[in-house]
Amino acid sequence: FDPQLAGLGQHTVSYTVKGSVECMNGESSQDVIV
């Protein structure tokens, strides 16, 4: 995560996992403040 590319303000960063079976898929998000 590069704050210079993001700029000032609040931004949402997400992490997504995709597996071979449905139960191994998931996502988590977080707000980042510059």
PDB file of all heavy atoms in Angstrom:
ATOM      1  N   PHE A   1       0.870  -1.181   0.000  1.00  0.00           N
ATOM      2  CA  PHE A   1       0.000   0.000   0.000  1.00  0.00           C
ATOM      3  C   PHE A   1       0.902   1.224   0.000  1.00  0.00           C
ATOM      4  O   PHE A   1       1.731   1.406   0.905  1.00  0.00           O
ATOM      5  CB  PHE A   1      -0.910   0.022   1.229  1.00  0.00           C
ATOM      6  CG  PHE A   1      -1.747   1.270   1.323  1.00  0.00           C
ATOM      7  CD1 PHE A   1      -2.915   1.410   0.590  1.00  0.00           C
ATOM      8  CD2 PHE A   1      -1.355   2.334   2.134  1.00  0.00           C
ATOM      9  CE1 PHE A   1      -3.669   2.573   0.658  1.00  0.00           C
ATOM     10  CE2 PHE A   1      -2.105   3.491   2.227  1.00  0.00           C
ATOM     11  CZ  PHE A   1      -3.271   3.617   1.478  1.00  0.00           C
ATOM     12  N   ASP A   2       0.728   2.087  -1.021  1.00  0.00           N
ATOM     13  CA  ASP A   2       1.555   3.283  -1.169  1.00  0.00           C
ATOM     14  C   ASP A   2       0.679   4.505  -0.914  1.00  0.00           C
ATOM     15  O   ASP A   2      -0.220   4.817  -1.702  1.00  0.00           O
ATOM     16  CB  ASP A   2       2.144   3.342  -2.579  1.00  0.00           C
ATOM     17  CG  ASP A   2       3.196   4.427  -2.714  1.00  0.00           C
ATOM     18  OD1 ASP A   2       3.190   5.364  -1.904  1.00  0.00           O
ATOM     19  OD2 ASP A   2       4.026   4.327  -3.643  1.00  0.00           O
ATOM     20  N   PRO A   3       0.907   5.235   0.207  1.00  0.00           N
ATOM     21  CA  PRO A   3       0.063   6.403   0.501  1.00  0.00           C
ATOM     22  C   PRO A   3       0.168   7.500  -0.549  1.00  0.00           C
ATOM     23  O   PRO A   3      -0.769   8.277  -0.729  1.00  0.00           O
ATOM     24  CB  PRO A   3       0.584   6.866   1.871  1.00  0.00           C
ATOM     25  CG  PRO A   3       1.953   6.291   1.989  1.00  0.00           C
ATOM     26  CD  PRO A   3       1.930   5.007   1.241  1.00  0.00           C
ATOM     27  N   GLN A   4       1.295   7.559  -1.244  1.00  0.00           N
ATOM     28  CA  GLN A   4       1.425   8.584  -2.283  1.00  0.00           C
ATOM     29  C   GLN A   4       0.477   8.296  -3.441  1.00  0.00           C
ATOM     30  O   GLN A   4      -0.134   9.214  -3.999  1.00  0.00           O
ATOM     31  CB  GLN A   4       2.870   8.643  -2.774  1.00  0.00           C
ATOM     32  CG  GLN A   4       3.126   9.776  -3.772  1.00  0.00           C
ATOM     33  CD  GLN A   4       4.592   9.919  -4.123  1.00  0.00           C
ATOM     34  OE1 GLN A   4       5.393   9.093  -3.738  1.00  0.00           O
ATOM     35  NE2 GLN A   4       4.934  10.966  -4.847  1.00  0.00           N
ATOM     36  N   LEU A   5       0.337   6.986  -3.789  1.00  0.00           N
ATOM     37  CA  LEU A   5      -0.607   6.635  -4.851  1.00  0.00           C
ATOM     38  C   LEU A   5      -2.049   6.792  -4.379  1.00  0.00           C
ATOM     39  O   LEU A   5      -2.931   7.153  -5.153  1.00  0.00           O
ATOM     40  CB  LEU A   5      -0.361   5.193  -5.304  1.00  0.00           C
ATOM     41  CG  LEU A   5       0.968   4.919  -6.034  1.00  0.00           C
ATOM     42  CD1 LEU A   5       1.091   3.437  -6.345  1.00  0.00           C
ATOM     43  CD2 LEU A   5       1.036   5.740  -7.321  1.00  0.00           C
ATOM     44  N   ALA A   6      -2.282   6.504  -3.102  1.00  0.00           N
ATOM     45  CA  ALA A   6      -3.651   6.583  -2.579  1.00  0.00           C
ATOM     46  C   ALA A   6      -4.113   8.019  -2.418  1.00  0.00           C
ATOM     47  O   ALA A   6      -5.265   8.361  -2.692  1.00  0.00           O
ATOM     48  CB  ALA A   6      -3.737   5.835  -1.254  1.00  0.00           C
ATOM     49  N   GLY A   7      -3.234   8.914  -1.949  1.00  0.00           N
ATOM     50  CA  GLY A   7      -3.601  10.291  -1.699  1.00  0.00           C
ATOM     51  C   GLY A   7      -4.227  10.459  -0.320  1.00  0.00           C
ATOM     52  O   GLY A   7      -4.517   9.484   0.398  1.00  0.00           O
ATOM     53  N   LEU A   8      -4.487  11.726   0.069  1.00  0.00           N
ATOM     54  CA  LEU A   8      -5.090  12.018   1.369  1.00  0.00           C
ATOM     55  C   LEU A   8      -6.514  11.513   1.419  1.00  0.00           C
ATOM     56  O   LEU A   8      -7.222  11.489   0.414  1.00  0.00           O
ATOM     57  CB  LEU A   8      -5.036  13.520   1.650  1.00  0.00           C
ATOM     58  CG  LEU A   8      -3.642  14.166   1.730  1.00  0.00           C
ATOM     59  CD1 LEU A   8      -3.757  15.666   1.913  1.00  0.00           C
ATOM     60  CD2 LEU A   8      -2.828  13.543   2.858  1.00  0.00           C
ATOM     61  N   GLY A   9      -6.908  11.059   2.645  1.00  0.00           N
ATOM     62  CA  GLY A   9      -8.287  10.630   2.813  1.00  0.00           C
ATOM     63  C   GLY A   9      -8.384   9.217   3.346  1.00  0.00           C
ATOM     64  O   GLY A   9      -7.391   8.608   3.777  1.00  0.00           O
ATOM     65  N   GLN A  10      -9.585   8.664   3.352  1.00  0.00           N
ATOM     66  CA  GLN A  10      -9.866   7.306   3.834  1.00  0.00           C
ATOM     67  C   GLN A  10     -10.034   6.377   2.652  1.00  0.00           C
ATOM     68  O   GLN A  10     -10.779   6.665   1.720  1.00  0.00           O
ATOM     69  CB  GLN A  10     -11.115   7.303   4.715  1.00  0.00           C
ATOM     70  CG  GLN A  10     -11.491   5.925   5.244  1.00  0.00           C
ATOM     71  CD  GLN A  10     -12.622   5.985   6.255  1.00  0.00           C
ATOM     72  OE1 GLN A  10     -12.532   6.681   7.257  1.00  0.00           O
ATOM     73  NE2 GLN A  10     -13.691   5.271   5.963  1.00  0.00           N
ATOM     74  N   HIS A  11      -9.335   5.227   2.704  1.00  0.00           N
ATOM     75  CA  HIS A  11      -9.350   4.277   1.597  1.00  0.00           C
ATOM     76  C   HIS A  11      -9.649   2.874   2.123  1.00  0.00           C
ATOM     77  O   HIS A  11      -9.278   2.538   3.250  1.00  0.00           O
ATOM     78  CB  HIS A  11      -8.006   4.279   0.860  1.00  0.00           C
ATOM     79  CG  HIS A  11      -7.518   5.651   0.509  1.00  0.00           C
ATOM     80  ND1 HIS A  11      -8.016   6.368  -0.550  1.00  0.00           N
ATOM     81  CD2 HIS A  11      -6.584   6.449   1.115  1.00  0.00           C
ATOM     82  CE1 HIS A  11      -7.410   7.542  -0.607  1.00  0.00           C
ATOM     83  NE2 HIS A  11      -6.531   7.619   0.396  1.00  0.00           N
ATOM     84  N   THR A  12     -10.289   2.055   1.318  1.00  0.00           N
ATOM     85  CA  THR A  12     -10.615   0.677   1.694  1.00  0.00           C
ATOM     86  C   THR A  12      -9.672  -0.282   0.976  1.00  0.00           C
ATOM     87  O   THR A  12      -9.549  -0.245  -0.251  1.00  0.00           O
ATOM     88  CB  THR A  12     -12.068   0.331   1.332  1.00  0.00           C
ATOM     89  OG1 THR A  12     -12.954   1.210   2.042  1.00  0.00           O
ATOM     90  CG2 THR A  12     -12.374  -1.113   1.715  1.00  0.00           C
ATOM     91  N   VAL A  13      -8.994  -1.133   1.769  1.00  0.00           N
ATOM     92  CA  VAL A  13      -8.095  -2.153   1.240  1.00  0.00           C
ATOM     93  C   VAL A  13      -8.728  -3.518   1.519  1.00  0.00           C
ATOM     94  O   VAL A  13      -9.181  -3.778   2.641  1.00  0.00           O
ATOM     95  CB  VAL A  13      -6.691  -2.058   1.869  1.00  0.00           C
ATOM     96  CG1 VAL A  13      -5.807  -3.221   1.422  1.00  0.00           C
ATOM     97  CG2 VAL A  13      -6.047  -0.727   1.502  1.00  0.00           C
ATOM     98  N   SER A  14      -8.756  -4.394   0.525  1.00  0.00           N
ATOM     99  CA  SER A  14      -9.386  -5.714   0.667  1.00  0.00           C
ATOM    100  C   SER A  14      -8.371  -6.814   0.397  1.00  0.00           C
ATOM    101  O   SER A  14      -7.419  -6.642  -0.377  1.00  0.00           O
ATOM    102  CB  SER A  14     -10.568  -5.856  -0.295  1.00  0.00           C
ATOM    103  OG  SER A  14     -11.563  -4.893  -0.014  1.00  0.00           O
ATOM    104  N   TYR A  15      -8.597  -7.962   1.076  1.00  0.00           N
ATOM    105  CA  TYR A  15      -7.794  -9.176   0.849  1.00  0.00           C
ATOM    106  C   TYR A  15      -8.758 -10.298   0.494  1.00  0.00           C
ATOM    107  O   TYR A  15      -9.676 -10.614   1.256  1.00  0.00           O
ATOM    108  CB  TYR A  15      -6.987  -9.529   2.093  1.00  0.00           C
ATOM    109  CG  TYR A  15      -6.168 -10.791   1.931  1.00  0.00           C
ATOM    110  CD1 TYR A  15      -5.138 -10.859   0.999  1.00  0.00           C
ATOM    111  CD2 TYR A  15      -6.424 -11.909   2.713  1.00  0.00           C
ATOM    112  CE1 TYR A  15      -4.381 -12.004   0.853  1.00  0.00           C
ATOM    113  CE2 TYR A  15      -5.670 -13.069   2.570  1.00  0.00           C
ATOM    114  CZ  TYR A  15      -4.643 -13.114   1.631  1.00  0.00           C
ATOM    115  OH  TYR A  15      -3.900 -14.247   1.489  1.00  0.00           O
ATOM    116  N   THR A  16      -8.535 -10.913  -0.704  1.00  0.00           N
ATOM    117  CA  THR A  16      -9.445 -11.931  -1.225  1.00  0.00           C
ATOM    118  C   THR A  16      -8.701 -13.242  -1.440  1.00  0.00           C
ATOM    119  O   THR A  16      -7.605 -13.252  -2.014  1.00  0.00           O
ATOM    120  CB  THR A  16     -10.071 -11.471  -2.552  1.00  0.00           C
ATOM    121  OG1 THR A  16     -10.716 -10.215  -2.360  1.00  0.00           O
ATOM    122  CG2 THR A  16     -11.090 -12.482  -3.046  1.00  0.00           C
ATOM    123  N   VAL A  17      -9.274 -14.341  -0.937  1.00  0.00           N
ATOM    124  CA  VAL A  17      -8.701 -15.674  -1.102  1.00  0.00           C
ATOM    125  C   VAL A  17      -9.680 -16.520  -1.910  1.00  0.00           C
ATOM    126  O   VAL A  17     -10.876 -16.549  -1.613  1.00  0.00           O
ATOM    127  CB  VAL A  17      -8.422 -16.338   0.261  1.00  0.00           C
ATOM    128  CG1 VAL A  17      -7.924 -17.766   0.068  1.00  0.00           C
ATOM    129  CG2 VAL A  17      -7.410 -15.524   1.048  1.00  0.00           C
ATOM    130  N   LYS A  18      -9.149 -17.216  -2.922  1.00  0.00           N
ATOM    131  CA  LYS A  18      -9.963 -18.115  -3.728  1.00  0.00           C
ATOM    132  C   LYS A  18      -9.322 -19.493  -3.717  1.00  0.00           C
ATOM    133  O   LYS A  18      -8.155 -19.654  -4.084  1.00  0.00           O
ATOM    134  CB  LYS A  18     -10.111 -17.603  -5.159  1.00  0.00           C
ATOM    135  CG  LYS A  18     -10.912 -16.303  -5.255  1.00  0.00           C
ATOM    136  CD  LYS A  18     -11.102 -15.879  -6.700  1.00  0.00           C
ATOM    137  CE  LYS A  18     -11.944 -14.601  -6.778  1.00  0.00           C
ATOM    138  NZ  LYS A  18     -12.139 -14.175  -8.182  1.00  0.00           N
ATOM    139  N   GLY A  19     -10.065 -20.508  -3.256  1.00  0.00           N
ATOM    140  CA  GLY A  19      -9.536 -21.859  -3.147  1.00  0.00           C
ATOM    141  C   GLY A  19     -10.148 -22.805  -4.145  1.00  0.00           C
ATOM    142  O   GLY A  19     -10.982 -22.434  -4.977  1.00  0.00           O
ATOM    143  N   SER A  20      -9.721 -24.080  -4.037  1.00  0.00           N
ATOM    144  CA  SER A  20     -10.189 -25.101  -4.975  1.00  0.00           C
ATOM    145  C   SER A  20     -11.618 -25.543  -4.670  1.00  0.00           C
ATOM    146  O   SER A  20     -12.288 -26.107  -5.521  1.00  0.00           O
ATOM    147  CB  SER A  20      -9.243 -26.311  -4.934  1.00  0.00           C
ATOM    148  OG  SER A  20      -9.161 -26.829  -3.613  1.00  0.00           O
ATOM    149  N   VAL A  21     -12.045 -25.313  -3.423  1.00  0.00           N
ATOM    150  CA  VAL A  21     -13.426 -25.626  -3.055  1.00  0.00           C
ATOM    151  C   VAL A  21     -14.060 -24.375  -2.472  1.00  0.00           C
ATOM    152  O   VAL A  21     -13.372 -23.465  -2.002  1.00  0.00           O
ATOM    153  CB  VAL A  21     -13.479 -26.802  -2.053  1.00  0.00           C
ATOM    154  CG1 VAL A  21     -13.038 -28.097  -2.714  1.00  0.00           C
ATOM    155  CG2 VAL A  21     -12.626 -26.519  -0.828  1.00  0.00           C
ATOM    156  N   GLU A  22     -15.391 -24.344  -2.461  1.00  0.00           N
ATOM    157  CA  GLU A  22     -16.113 -23.127  -2.090  1.00  0.00           C
ATOM    158  C   GLU A  22     -15.766 -22.648  -0.690  1.00  0.00           C
ATOM    159  O   GLU A  22     -15.622 -21.447  -0.441  1.00  0.00           O
ATOM    160  CB  GLU A  22     -17.625 -23.370  -2.208  1.00  0.00           C
ATOM    161  CG  GLU A  22     -18.489 -22.182  -1.765  1.00  0.00           C
ATOM    162  CD  GLU A  22     -18.219 -20.923  -2.582  1.00  0.00           C
ATOM    163  OE1 GLU A  22     -17.839 -21.037  -3.764  1.00  0.00           O
ATOM    164  OE2 GLU A  22     -18.364 -19.821  -2.011  1.00  0.00           O
ATOM    165  N   CYS A  23     -15.592 -23.569   0.247  1.00  0.00           N
ATOM    166  CA  CYS A  23     -15.384 -23.141   1.632  1.00  0.00           C
ATOM    167  C   CYS A  23     -14.026 -22.507   1.840  1.00  0.00           C
ATOM    168  O   CYS A  23     -13.748 -21.951   2.895  1.00  0.00           O
ATOM    169  CB  CYS A  23     -15.575 -24.312   2.588  1.00  0.00           C
ATOM    170  SG  CYS A  23     -14.102 -25.255   2.942  1.00  0.00           S
ATOM    171  N   MET A  24     -13.143 -22.578   0.840  1.00  0.00           N
ATOM    172  CA  MET A  24     -11.823 -21.969   0.965  1.00  0.00           C
ATOM    173  C   MET A  24     -11.783 -20.574   0.366  1.00  0.00           C
ATOM    174  O   MET A  24     -10.716 -19.964   0.257  1.00  0.00           O
ATOM    175  CB  MET A  24     -10.767 -22.859   0.296  1.00  0.00           C
ATOM    176  CG  MET A  24     -10.608 -24.224   0.953  1.00  0.00           C
ATOM    177  SD  MET A  24      -9.308 -25.232   0.218  1.00  0.00           S
ATOM    178  CE  MET A  24      -7.847 -24.307   0.702  1.00  0.00           C
ATOM    179  N   ASN A  25     -12.978 -20.018  -0.031  1.00  0.00           N
ATOM    180  CA  ASN A  25     -13.047 -18.650  -0.538  1.00  0.00           C
ATOM    181  C   ASN A  25     -13.405 -17.703   0.601  1.00  0.00           C
ATOM    182  O   ASN A  25     -14.197 -18.037   1.482  1.00  0.00           O
ATOM    183  CB  ASN A  25     -14.096 -18.535  -1.648  1.00  0.00           C
ATOM    184  CG  ASN A  25     -13.758 -19.413  -2.845  1.00  0.00           C
ATOM    185  OD1 ASN A  25     -12.593 -19.715  -3.078  1.00  0.00           O
ATOM    186  ND2 ASN A  25     -14.775 -19.822  -3.591  1.00  0.00           N
ATOM    187  N   GLY A  26     -12.803 -16.511   0.593  1.00  0.00           N
ATOM    188  CA  GLY A  26     -13.098 -15.537   1.641  1.00  0.00           C
ATOM    189  C   GLY A  26     -12.521 -14.179   1.313  1.00  0.00           C
ATOM    190  O   GLY A  26     -11.679 -14.031   0.417  1.00  0.00           O
ATOM    191  N   GLU A  27     -13.002 -13.155   2.064  1.00  0.00           N
ATOM    192  CA  GLU A  27     -12.527 -11.782   1.843  1.00  0.00           C
ATOM    193  C   GLU A  27     -12.565 -11.025   3.156  1.00  0.00           C
ATOM    194  O   GLU A  27     -13.438 -11.239   3.995  1.00  0.00           O
ATOM    195  CB  GLU A  27     -13.376 -11.071   0.792  1.00  0.00           C
ATOM    196  CG  GLU A  27     -12.882  -9.663   0.472  1.00  0.00           C
ATOM    197  CD  GLU A  27     -13.694  -9.000  -0.645  1.00  0.00           C
ATOM    198  OE1 GLU A  27     -13.374  -9.270  -1.814  1.00  0.00           O
ATOM    199  OE2 GLU A  27     -14.637  -8.252  -0.315  1.00  0.00           O
ATOM    200  N   SER A  28     -11.560 -10.135   3.333  1.00  0.00           N
ATOM    201  CA  SER A  28     -11.503  -9.272   4.511  1.00  0.00           C
ATOM    202  C   SER A  28     -11.087  -7.892   4.050  1.00  0.00           C
ATOM    203  O   SER A  28     -10.266  -7.744   3.134  1.00  0.00           O
ATOM    204  CB  SER A  28     -10.484  -9.833   5.514  1.00  0.00           C
ATOM    205  OG  SER A  28     -10.415  -8.994   6.652  1.00  0.00           O
ATOM    206  N   SER A  29     -11.709  -6.849   4.668  1.00  0.00           N
ATOM    207  CA  SER A  29     -11.430  -5.462   4.262  1.00  0.00           C
ATOM    208  C   SER A  29     -11.067  -4.625   5.478  1.00  0.00           C
ATOM    209  O   SER A  29     -11.374  -4.971   6.627  1.00  0.00           O
ATOM    210  CB  SER A  29     -12.644  -4.844   3.557  1.00  0.00           C
ATOM    211  OG  SER A  29     -12.964  -5.566   2.390  1.00  0.00           O
ATOM    212  N   GLN A  30     -10.431  -3.484   5.179  1.00  0.00           N
ATOM    213  CA  GLN A  30      -9.990  -2.586   6.253  1.00  0.00           C
ATOM    214  C   GLN A  30      -9.867  -1.175   5.701  1.00  0.00           C
ATOM    215  O   GLN A  30      -9.451  -0.989   4.550  1.00  0.00           O
ATOM    216  CB  GLN A  30      -8.642  -3.073   6.795  1.00  0.00           C
ATOM    217  CG  GLN A  30      -8.201  -2.405   8.073  1.00  0.00           C
ATOM    218  CD  GLN A  30      -6.922  -3.028   8.607  1.00  0.00           C
ATOM    219  OE1 GLN A  30      -6.061  -2.350   9.123  1.00  0.00           O
ATOM    220  NE2 GLN A  30      -6.785  -4.343   8.454  1.00  0.00           N
ATOM    221  N   ASP A  31     -10.266  -0.183   6.519  1.00  0.00           N
ATOM    222  CA  ASP A  31     -10.145   1.217   6.103  1.00  0.00           C
ATOM    223  C   ASP A  31      -8.787   1.763   6.530  1.00  0.00           C
ATOM    224  O   ASP A  31      -8.322   1.515   7.653  1.00  0.00           O
ATOM    225  CB  ASP A  31     -11.251   2.071   6.736  1.00  0.00           C
ATOM    226  CG  ASP A  31     -12.620   1.781   6.114  1.00  0.00           C
ATOM    227  OD1 ASP A  31     -12.639   1.342   4.945  1.00  0.00           O
ATOM    228  OD2 ASP A  31     -13.646   1.978   6.807  1.00  0.00           O
ATOM    229  N   VAL A  32      -8.170   2.506   5.613  1.00  0.00           N
ATOM    230  CA  VAL A  32      -6.861   3.096   5.856  1.00  0.00           C
ATOM    231  C   VAL A  32      -6.991   4.607   5.710  1.00  0.00           C
ATOM    232  O   VAL A  32      -7.585   5.089   4.733  1.00  0.00           O
ATOM    233  CB  VAL A  32      -5.809   2.556   4.869  1.00  0.00           C
ATOM    234  CG1 VAL A  32      -4.442   3.142   5.177  1.00  0.00           C
ATOM    235  CG2 VAL A  32      -5.773   1.044   4.900  1.00  0.00           C
ATOM    236  N   ILE A  33      -6.431   5.344   6.668  1.00  0.00           N
ATOM    237  CA  ILE A  33      -6.519   6.811   6.651  1.00  0.00           C
ATOM    238  C   ILE A  33      -5.145   7.393   6.370  1.00  0.00           C
ATOM    239  O   ILE A  33      -4.167   7.068   7.055  1.00  0.00           O
ATOM    240  CB  ILE A  33      -7.058   7.352   7.986  1.00  0.00           C
ATOM    241  CG1 ILE A  33      -8.477   6.836   8.218  1.00  0.00           C
ATOM    242  CG2 ILE A  33      -7.016   8.868   8.004  1.00  0.00           C
ATOM    243  CD1 ILE A  33      -9.065   7.260   9.540  1.00  0.00           C
ATOM    244  N   VAL A  34      -5.069   8.241   5.358  1.00  0.00           N
ATOM    245  CA  VAL A  34      -3.856   9.013   5.070  1.00  0.00           C
ATOM    246  C   VAL A  34      -4.151  10.455   5.474  1.00  0.00           C
ATOM    247  O   VAL A  34      -4.918  11.160   4.809  1.00  0.00           O
ATOM    248  CB  VAL A  34      -3.472   8.925   3.579  1.00  0.00           C
ATOM    249  CG1 VAL A  34      -2.193   9.708   3.314  1.00  0.00           C
ATOM    250  CG2 VAL A  34      -3.297   7.468   3.157  1.00  0.00           C
TER     251      VAL A  34
END
